[in-house]
Structure formats: structure tokens, C-alpha cells
Amino acid sequence: MTSTNNERHLDMDSVVQAVIKKFLERSELGQKKYGTTLDRTDLKPHDWIQHAQEELMDGILYLEKLKQIIPKPEAPSPVQDKKSD
């Protein structure tokens, strides 16, 4: 028996469902903003690489910002790490 897409989504965990929803929302936003989809053929491979690099650089900046504002967890003391014999 073959599952429909909707039935398969019901079997997925909530994290996967949330990511799929965000991908769909992002796709809609991109189509409205740029008037095209990723199926476009006007870009060369180098252009796609450039776009990806810029997106990843933004991601690194966001992660660095989060590292600066989220307190570091305290490392456990060596005594707590030892197993009792």
C-alpha cells in the first residue's frame, strides 16, 4: 500500500514537520520577493556557488552573535567525571 504525501507527513516527527513547513514558507517568500523559483536557468554554476557562499557567511555571523550572547555552560569538574570504582 502506498502512502500519500499527507499520510507520510503524519508519520514524521515534529522537528521534520517544522523544517518542511519552513522550507515551504521560504519558497513562497522567495517566489514573491524575486519572482522566480530555484528552477530558474539564468544563473551559471558559479553564480549558485556565490549565492551559497554568501548565505553560509551570513549563517556563520548569526552563530557568532549567538555565541556572544548565550552564556557558556560551565564545564563539569574532573571529580564529577570520574567513575567510582
Protein backbone atom coordinates (compact mmCIF):
# COMPACT_ATOMS: atom_id res chain seq x y z
CA MET A 1 0.00 0.00 0.00
CA THR A 2 1.40 3.41 -0.98
CA SER A 3 1.13 6.34 1.40
CA THR A 4 0.12 9.75 0.17
CA ASN A 5 2.37 12.70 0.98
CA ASN A 6 -0.05 13.84 3.67
CA GLU A 7 -0.05 10.41 5.32
CA ARG A 8 3.75 10.33 5.30
CA HIS A 9 3.87 13.75 6.93
CA LEU A 10 1.71 12.45 9.76
CA ASP A 11 4.32 9.77 10.47
CA MET A 12 7.18 12.28 10.68
CA ASP A 13 8.41 13.66 13.95
CA SER A 14 7.57 17.24 14.84
CA VAL A 15 11.05 18.54 14.05
CA VAL A 16 10.94 17.24 10.47
CA GLN A 17 7.43 18.65 10.05
CA ALA A 18 8.58 22.06 11.31
CA VAL A 19 11.54 22.13 8.90
CA ILE A 20 9.38 21.14 5.93
CA LYS A 21 6.91 23.89 6.81
CA LYS A 22 9.74 26.43 6.96
CA PHE A 23 11.10 25.29 3.58
CA LEU A 24 7.66 25.73 2.01
CA GLU A 25 7.23 29.17 3.59
CA ARG A 26 10.71 30.22 2.46
CA SER A 27 9.98 29.04 -1.07
CA GLU A 28 6.79 31.12 -1.19
CA LEU A 29 8.60 34.16 0.19
CA GLY A 30 11.39 33.79 -2.36
CA GLN A 31 8.94 33.49 -5.23
CA LYS A 32 7.13 36.65 -4.11
CA LYS A 33 10.35 38.57 -3.48
CA TYR A 34 12.32 37.53 -6.57
CA GLY A 35 9.52 36.48 -8.93
CA THR A 36 11.17 33.14 -9.68
CA THR A 37 11.99 29.74 -8.21
CA LEU A 38 15.18 27.73 -7.90
CA ASP A 39 14.20 26.12 -11.19
CA ARG A 40 15.47 29.27 -12.90
CA THR A 41 18.03 28.75 -15.64
CA ASP A 42 19.56 32.23 -15.93
CA LEU A 43 22.32 31.58 -13.40
CA LYS A 44 25.57 29.77 -14.09
CA PRO A 45 27.06 27.26 -11.63
CA HIS A 46 29.49 29.91 -10.38
CA ASP A 47 26.55 32.20 -9.56
CA TRP A 48 24.90 29.44 -7.49
CA ILE A 49 28.19 28.91 -5.64
CA GLN A 50 28.42 32.64 -4.94
CA HIS A 51 24.86 32.71 -3.57
CA ALA A 52 25.57 29.70 -1.36
CA GLN A 53 28.80 31.25 -0.02
CA GLU A 54 27.01 34.46 0.87
CA GLU A 55 24.21 32.58 2.65
CA LEU A 56 26.70 30.45 4.60
CA MET A 57 28.74 33.50 5.59
CA ASP A 58 25.55 35.06 6.97
CA GLY A 59 24.92 31.85 8.91
CA ILE A 60 28.40 31.97 10.46
CA LEU A 61 27.80 35.57 11.53
CA TYR A 62 24.50 34.62 13.18
CA LEU A 63 26.18 31.74 15.03
CA GLU A 64 28.98 34.00 16.25
CA LYS A 65 26.42 36.51 17.53
CA LEU A 66 24.61 33.75 19.42
CA LYS A 67 27.88 32.56 20.95
CA GLN A 68 28.46 36.10 22.20
CA ILE A 69 25.05 36.50 23.82
CA ILE A 70 24.40 33.00 25.19
CA PRO A 71 26.26 32.25 28.42
CA LYS A 72 28.79 29.44 28.16
CA PRO A 73 27.80 26.34 30.09
CA GLU A 74 30.13 25.55 32.93
CA ALA A 75 32.41 22.61 32.30
CA PRO A 76 31.94 19.73 34.76
CA SER A 77 34.72 19.38 37.28
CA PRO A 78 37.13 16.45 36.78
CA VAL A 79 35.92 14.91 40.05
CA GLN A 80 32.36 14.67 38.69
CA ASP A 81 33.60 12.96 35.52
CA LYS A 82 35.39 10.11 37.34
CA LYS A 83 33.51 6.87 37.65
CA SER A 84 33.52 5.28 41.05
CA ASP A 85 35.44 2.02 41.29
